[in-house]
């Protein structure tokens, strides 16, 4: 039983089933998204075309088989729990009892060429960030493929594959910094390999609850411009008829982003027709650290109440398939391919 399964059991025994069911529903949706995206590039005639981390029930394996026509024999899936590895073997998966870290440390010349790598981890990103780079080496250089990762947003020691200390990309740590670190690491290695991230196949983002991510957008960001507009409103109304409490609330709301450069931002699609904007910002990271979601909501609510323009706060996303979900988890998926020559 892996960490995720143990946590679900603990929640079942000590808390309401709704939480377990919600998390499992999200996990199922992510499997659908991965299988749908992989179906476009996966060639079932290639042996060992995928590397995944799966549980004893084989939920990811079943999704790949049912939605992408993947032969389980083409799936590599190490698991350090003997009974889980045995269960996966019985499903026809090429599974073995071992650590995926050991597999990813193998020399490139001994590794297979894959069309899909999905590392569905439950641990923190810092000590596993090197696995993103090594996963790129597994993807077929000619056809490209799909890369997907799940990590906890918790803090941890920054280490390379030899367990040597490395320098963190941010001076502070929290969920905004975590997802920025994951997406920026992915983008850096994609650039180093000479690859592009390409638009994913349609996976019904709204239905699956998938989100978008802006990585290193142009400065000033739309949210910063909104904060500047709110600050200008405060200055223009000092000494007027607006009461000091209202001015103070507006000034405090603007300050959270004034003078900052936005490095990354999650955008969640609105799920109701009554939503004020089609997308909701969260997990905003800046050059001075993460900004709380409550602060962002306050900035939007106060600006909207003053009839300031909040329609142009979102720019084009860098990654169209990301997710932040309960239990401090983050997920990213992208299709990669060689850059087209001009």
Protein backbone atom coordinates (compact mmCIF):
# COMPACT_ATOMS: atom_id res chain seq x y z
CA UNK A 1 0.00 0.00 0.00
CA UNK A 2 1.52 3.35 -1.06
CA UNK A 3 1.35 6.63 0.91
CA UNK A 4 -1.71 7.87 -0.97
CA UNK A 5 -3.63 4.66 -0.29
CA UNK A 6 -2.63 4.71 3.40
CA UNK A 7 -3.88 8.28 3.70
CA UNK A 8 -7.21 7.33 2.13
CA UNK A 9 -7.60 4.44 4.58
CA UNK A 10 -6.84 6.76 7.51
CA UNK A 11 -9.40 9.27 6.25
CA UNK A 12 -11.99 6.53 5.80
CA UNK A 13 -11.51 5.36 9.38
CA UNK A 14 -11.37 8.80 10.99
CA UNK A 15 -13.32 11.15 8.76
CA UNK A 16 -16.19 11.45 6.28
CA UNK A 17 -16.15 9.40 3.09
CA UNK A 18 -16.77 12.54 1.05
CA UNK A 19 -13.14 13.65 1.34
CA UNK A 20 -11.84 10.28 0.22
CA UNK A 21 -14.34 10.16 -2.64
CA UNK A 22 -13.45 13.68 -3.75
CA UNK A 23 -9.72 12.94 -3.85
CA UNK A 24 -10.28 9.65 -5.65
CA UNK A 25 -12.54 11.39 -8.17
CA UNK A 26 -9.77 13.91 -8.89
CA UNK A 27 -7.23 11.09 -9.28
CA UNK A 28 -9.56 9.36 -11.72
CA UNK A 29 -9.98 12.57 -13.71
CA UNK A 30 -6.22 12.97 -13.95
CA UNK A 31 -5.90 9.41 -15.23
CA UNK A 32 -8.49 10.21 -17.89
CA UNK A 33 -6.57 13.36 -18.87
CA UNK A 34 -3.26 11.47 -19.15
CA UNK A 35 -4.79 8.59 -21.10
CA UNK A 36 -6.60 10.94 -23.47
CA UNK A 37 -3.43 12.93 -24.16
CA UNK A 38 -1.27 9.81 -24.48
CA UNK A 39 -3.67 8.18 -26.93
CA UNK A 40 -2.53 10.63 -29.60
CA UNK A 41 1.12 9.59 -29.44
CA UNK A 42 1.13 6.14 -27.88
CA UNK A 43 2.09 3.32 -30.24
CA UNK A 44 0.95 0.04 -28.68
CA UNK A 45 3.25 -1.91 -30.97
CA UNK A 46 6.33 -0.47 -29.26
CA UNK A 47 7.45 -2.50 -26.30
CA UNK A 48 7.83 -0.61 -23.03
CA UNK A 49 6.27 2.59 -24.38
CA UNK A 50 5.21 3.99 -21.01
CA UNK A 51 6.58 4.40 -17.51
CA UNK A 52 4.00 4.97 -14.79
CA UNK A 53 3.59 4.68 -11.04
CA UNK A 54 0.41 2.74 -10.29
CA UNK A 55 -1.39 1.20 -7.32
CA UNK A 56 -2.55 -2.36 -6.81
CA UNK A 57 -5.92 -1.62 -8.45
CA UNK A 58 -4.14 -0.51 -11.62
CA UNK A 59 -6.34 2.57 -12.10
CA UNK A 60 -3.86 4.32 -14.40
CA UNK A 61 -3.22 1.08 -16.30
CA UNK A 62 -6.96 0.57 -16.85
CA UNK A 63 -7.37 4.15 -18.07
CA UNK A 64 -4.52 3.76 -20.57
CA UNK A 65 -5.92 0.43 -21.77
CA UNK A 66 -9.55 1.55 -22.04
CA UNK A 67 -9.08 5.11 -23.35
CA UNK A 68 -5.85 4.87 -25.36
CA UNK A 69 -5.82 1.22 -26.40
CA UNK A 70 -2.54 0.61 -24.62
CA UNK A 71 -1.36 -2.96 -24.22
CA UNK A 72 -0.47 -3.45 -20.51
CA UNK A 73 2.65 -5.36 -21.61
CA UNK A 74 3.90 -2.02 -22.99
CA UNK A 75 3.75 -0.41 -19.57
CA UNK A 76 6.70 -0.28 -17.17
CA UNK A 77 5.71 0.19 -13.53
CA UNK A 78 8.17 -0.29 -10.64
CA UNK A 79 6.77 -0.45 -7.12
CA UNK A 80 8.66 -0.93 -3.90
CA UNK A 81 5.77 -2.87 -2.32
CA UNK A 82 5.94 -6.60 -3.31
CA UNK A 83 2.17 -7.20 -3.21
CA UNK A 84 1.45 -4.13 -5.37
CA UNK A 85 4.08 -5.19 -7.90
CA UNK A 86 2.54 -8.68 -7.95
CA UNK A 87 -0.97 -7.28 -8.51
CA UNK A 88 0.25 -5.17 -11.42
CA UNK A 89 1.97 -8.17 -12.98
CA UNK A 90 -1.32 -10.05 -12.84
CA UNK A 91 -2.84 -7.22 -14.90
CA UNK A 92 -0.21 -7.86 -17.57
CA UNK A 93 1.94 -4.86 -16.67
CA UNK A 94 5.72 -5.13 -16.89
CA UNK A 95 6.06 -4.50 -13.16
CA UNK A 96 8.81 -5.28 -10.68
CA UNK A 97 9.55 -4.70 -7.02
CA UNK A 98 11.89 -1.72 -6.95
CA UNK A 99 12.23 2.05 -6.80
CA UNK A 100 11.54 4.28 -9.79
CA UNK A 101 14.47 6.43 -8.60
CA UNK A 102 16.86 3.55 -9.29
CA UNK A 103 15.40 3.10 -12.75
CA UNK A 104 15.77 6.81 -13.55
CA UNK A 105 19.41 6.73 -12.45
CA UNK A 106 20.34 4.13 -15.08
CA UNK A 107 22.66 5.23 -17.91
CA UNK A 108 20.79 6.68 -20.87
CA UNK A 109 22.16 3.98 -23.18
CA UNK A 110 20.40 1.27 -21.16
CA UNK A 111 17.02 3.04 -20.97
CA UNK A 112 14.09 2.35 -23.33
CA UNK A 113 12.54 4.97 -25.60
CA UNK A 114 9.09 5.88 -24.33
CA UNK A 115 6.01 7.79 -25.43
CA UNK A 116 4.67 8.49 -21.95
CA UNK A 117 6.15 9.08 -18.50
CA UNK A 118 3.71 9.62 -15.64
CA UNK A 119 5.36 9.89 -12.22
CA UNK A 120 2.44 10.04 -9.81
CA UNK A 121 4.36 10.77 -6.61
CA UNK A 122 2.99 11.52 -3.16
CA UNK A 123 6.24 12.97 -1.78
CA UNK A 124 7.61 16.51 -1.90
CA UNK A 125 9.17 17.97 -5.04
CA UNK A 126 12.56 19.33 -3.81
CA UNK A 127 14.33 15.98 -3.37
CA UNK A 128 12.74 14.65 -6.58
CA UNK A 129 13.19 17.60 -8.94
CA UNK A 130 15.99 15.76 -10.77
CA UNK A 131 13.47 13.14 -11.85
CA UNK A 132 11.83 15.70 -14.14
CA UNK A 133 15.11 16.15 -16.04
CA UNK A 134 15.77 12.41 -16.25
CA UNK A 135 12.22 11.76 -17.46
CA UNK A 136 12.90 13.94 -20.50
CA UNK A 137 15.70 11.55 -21.46
CA UNK A 138 13.21 8.68 -21.69
CA UNK A 139 10.87 10.29 -24.20
CA UNK A 140 11.32 9.25 -27.83
CA UNK A 141 13.44 11.97 -29.42
CA UNK A 142 11.79 11.64 -32.82
CA UNK A 143 8.11 11.38 -31.96
CA UNK A 144 8.01 13.26 -28.67
CA UNK A 145 5.43 12.24 -26.12
CA UNK A 146 3.57 13.07 -22.92
CA UNK A 147 5.12 13.89 -19.55
CA UNK A 148 3.04 14.13 -16.38
CA UNK A 149 4.03 14.57 -12.75
CA UNK A 150 2.36 14.66 -9.34
CA UNK A 151 4.17 15.95 -6.25
CA UNK A 152 3.31 17.23 -2.80
CA UNK A 153 3.73 20.97 -2.28
CA UNK A 154 5.37 20.36 1.11
CA UNK A 155 8.92 21.58 1.68
CA UNK A 156 11.96 19.32 1.59
CA UNK A 157 15.71 19.18 1.08
CA UNK A 158 16.85 20.20 -2.40
CA UNK A 159 19.02 17.36 -3.71
CA UNK A 160 20.24 16.01 -7.03
CA UNK A 161 20.09 12.35 -8.05
CA UNK A 162 23.27 11.66 -6.04
CA UNK A 163 21.57 13.11 -2.93
CA UNK A 164 23.91 16.12 -2.97
CA UNK A 165 22.52 19.45 -1.76
CA UNK A 166 21.39 21.86 -4.49
CA UNK A 167 20.25 25.50 -4.46
CA UNK A 168 16.49 26.14 -4.14
CA UNK A 169 14.96 28.29 -6.92
CA UNK A 170 13.03 30.41 -4.38
CA UNK A 171 13.95 31.90 -1.00
CA UNK A 172 10.54 31.18 0.52
CA UNK A 173 8.36 28.08 0.26
CA UNK A 174 4.67 27.36 0.03
CA UNK A 175 2.17 26.11 -2.53
CA UNK A 176 2.70 29.09 -4.92
CA UNK A 177 6.49 28.57 -4.87
CA UNK A 178 6.07 24.80 -5.25
CA UNK A 179 4.06 24.87 -8.45
CA UNK A 180 6.28 27.64 -9.84
CA UNK A 181 9.33 25.45 -9.14
CA UNK A 182 7.73 22.47 -10.90
CA UNK A 183 6.62 24.38 -13.99
CA UNK A 184 9.84 26.39 -14.31
CA UNK A 185 11.93 23.22 -13.92
CA UNK A 186 9.87 21.53 -16.62
CA UNK A 187 10.16 24.51 -18.96
CA UNK A 188 13.93 24.79 -18.43
CA UNK A 189 14.63 21.17 -19.29
CA UNK A 190 12.30 21.35 -22.26
CA UNK A 191 14.27 24.31 -23.57
CA UNK A 192 17.61 22.61 -22.91
CA UNK A 193 16.49 19.61 -24.95
CA UNK A 194 15.33 21.77 -27.83
CA UNK A 195 11.69 20.82 -27.41
CA UNK A 196 8.42 22.74 -27.30
CA UNK A 197 5.36 22.13 -25.20
CA UNK A 198 2.45 21.77 -27.60
CA UNK A 199 -1.27 22.14 -27.09
CA UNK A 200 -2.83 19.12 -25.46
CA UNK A 201 -5.61 17.21 -27.13
CA UNK A 202 -9.05 18.21 -25.90
CA UNK A 203 -9.64 16.61 -22.51
CA UNK A 204 -12.70 18.63 -21.47
CA UNK A 205 -10.79 20.83 -19.07
CA UNK A 206 -13.86 22.27 -17.34
CA UNK A 207 -15.45 18.86 -16.83
CA UNK A 208 -12.25 17.37 -15.43
CA UNK A 209 -11.50 20.43 -13.31
CA UNK A 210 -8.14 21.05 -15.00
CA UNK A 211 -6.47 24.42 -14.57
CA UNK A 212 -4.06 26.61 -16.52
CA UNK A 213 -0.75 28.15 -15.51
CA UNK A 214 1.04 31.36 -16.46
CA UNK A 215 4.79 30.97 -16.14
CA UNK A 216 6.98 34.11 -16.12
CA UNK A 217 4.40 36.34 -17.82
CA UNK A 218 5.29 39.82 -19.14
CA UNK A 219 5.66 42.56 -16.53
CA UNK A 220 3.58 44.27 -15.30
CA UNK A 221 1.09 41.45 -14.95
CA UNK A 222 -2.64 42.16 -15.18
CA UNK A 223 -3.02 41.62 -11.43
CA UNK A 224 -0.21 44.12 -10.74
CA UNK A 225 -1.83 46.68 -13.04
CA UNK A 226 -5.09 46.18 -11.17
CA UNK A 227 -3.28 46.78 -7.85
CA UNK A 228 -1.77 49.95 -9.31
CA UNK A 229 -5.21 51.15 -10.43
CA UNK A 230 -6.59 50.51 -6.95
CA UNK A 231 -3.66 52.39 -5.35
CA UNK A 232 -4.31 55.33 -7.70
CA UNK A 233 -7.98 55.34 -6.69
CA UNK A 234 -6.95 55.52 -3.02
CA UNK A 235 -4.62 58.49 -3.63
CA UNK A 236 -7.18 60.38 -5.69
CA UNK A 237 -9.78 60.02 -2.94
CA UNK A 238 -7.69 60.96 0.11
CA UNK A 239 -9.20 63.89 1.95
CA UNK A 240 -12.48 63.44 0.14
CA UNK A 241 -15.80 61.98 1.18
CA UNK A 242 -14.67 58.33 1.19
CA UNK A 243 -14.39 57.14 4.79
CA UNK A 244 -10.97 56.18 6.11
CA UNK A 245 -11.92 52.55 6.75
CA UNK A 246 -12.80 52.01 3.10
CA UNK A 247 -9.64 53.79 1.95
CA UNK A 248 -7.53 51.73 4.34
CA UNK A 249 -9.03 48.44 3.14
CA UNK A 250 -8.41 49.39 -0.49
CA UNK A 251 -4.85 50.50 0.25
CA UNK A 252 -4.08 47.24 2.07
CA UNK A 253 -5.56 45.20 -0.81
CA UNK A 254 -3.39 47.01 -3.36
CA UNK A 255 -0.15 46.69 -1.36
CA UNK A 256 0.02 42.88 -1.70
CA UNK A 257 1.17 43.22 -5.32
CA UNK A 258 2.56 46.74 -5.66
CA UNK A 259 6.18 46.75 -6.80
CA UNK A 260 6.19 42.99 -7.40
CA UNK A 261 6.84 40.95 -10.52
CA UNK A 262 4.47 38.01 -10.95
CA UNK A 263 6.42 34.83 -11.73
CA UNK A 264 3.53 32.42 -11.97
CA UNK A 265 -0.20 32.09 -11.45
CA UNK A 266 -2.77 29.27 -11.50
CA UNK A 267 -6.03 30.02 -13.32
CA UNK A 268 -9.07 27.90 -12.50
CA UNK A 269 -12.02 27.93 -14.87
CA UNK A 270 -15.29 29.16 -13.38
CA UNK A 271 -17.81 26.38 -12.84
CA UNK A 272 -20.96 28.50 -12.57
CA UNK A 273 -22.62 30.97 -14.90
CA UNK A 274 -22.90 33.42 -11.98
CA UNK A 275 -19.11 33.70 -11.63
CA UNK A 276 -17.80 37.25 -11.89
CA UNK A 277 -14.90 36.24 -14.19
CA UNK A 278 -14.43 33.18 -16.46
CA UNK A 279 -11.20 32.28 -14.63
CA UNK A 280 -10.14 32.62 -10.99
CA UNK A 281 -6.48 33.33 -10.04
CA UNK A 282 -4.77 31.43 -7.22
CA UNK A 283 -1.32 30.35 -6.01
CA UNK A 284 0.25 33.57 -7.27
CA UNK A 285 4.03 33.59 -6.91
CA UNK A 286 6.12 36.75 -7.19
CA UNK A 287 9.77 37.78 -6.96
CA UNK A 288 9.08 38.53 -3.29
CA UNK A 289 7.37 35.23 -2.50
CA UNK A 290 3.88 33.77 -2.72
CA UNK A 291 0.73 35.84 -2.27
CA UNK A 292 -2.14 34.38 -0.25
CA UNK A 293 -5.30 33.42 -2.13
CA UNK A 294 -7.37 35.47 0.35
CA UNK A 295 -5.31 38.54 -0.52
CA UNK A 296 -5.92 38.00 -4.23
CA UNK A 297 -9.66 37.54 -3.67
CA UNK A 298 -9.75 40.74 -1.58
CA UNK A 299 -7.96 42.68 -4.32
CA UNK A 300 -10.48 41.47 -6.91
CA UNK A 301 -13.55 41.98 -4.74
CA UNK A 302 -12.65 45.53 -3.70
CA UNK A 303 -11.64 46.51 -7.24
CA UNK A 304 -14.85 45.07 -8.63
CA UNK A 305 -16.89 46.92 -6.01
CA UNK A 306 -15.30 50.19 -7.14
CA UNK A 307 -16.06 49.41 -10.82
CA UNK A 308 -12.37 49.10 -11.72
CA UNK A 309 -11.71 47.04 -14.86
CA UNK A 310 -10.86 43.46 -13.89
CA UNK A 311 -11.44 41.95 -17.33
CA UNK A 312 -7.81 41.90 -18.52
CA UNK A 313 -6.03 40.25 -15.62
CA UNK A 314 -5.31 36.93 -17.36
CA UNK A 315 -2.70 36.41 -20.06
CA UNK A 316 -2.12 33.39 -22.31
CA UNK A 317 -1.30 30.27 -20.28
CA UNK A 318 2.03 28.47 -20.63
CA UNK A 319 0.69 25.15 -19.41
CA UNK A 320 -2.93 24.27 -20.13
CA UNK A 321 -3.10 21.16 -17.97
CA UNK A 322 -2.16 21.66 -14.34
CA UNK A 323 -3.93 20.96 -11.06
CA UNK A 324 -3.79 21.94 -7.42
CA UNK A 325 -5.92 19.63 -5.32
CA UNK A 326 -6.52 18.59 -1.68
CA UNK A 327 -3.83 17.07 0.50
CA UNK A 328 -1.29 19.67 -0.72
CA UNK A 329 -0.87 18.04 -4.13
CA UNK A 330 0.14 19.55 -7.47
CA UNK A 331 0.00 17.97 -10.93
CA UNK A 332 1.30 18.98 -14.36
CA UNK A 333 0.96 17.41 -17.80
CA UNK A 334 2.33 18.52 -21.16
CA UNK A 335 2.98 17.07 -24.58
CA UNK A 336 6.52 17.70 -25.83
CA UNK A 337 7.98 17.61 -29.32
CA UNK A 338 11.00 18.89 -31.22
CA UNK A 339 10.95 22.58 -32.00
CA UNK A 340 9.93 23.30 -35.57
CA UNK A 341 12.62 24.96 -37.63
CA UNK A 342 11.78 28.36 -39.02
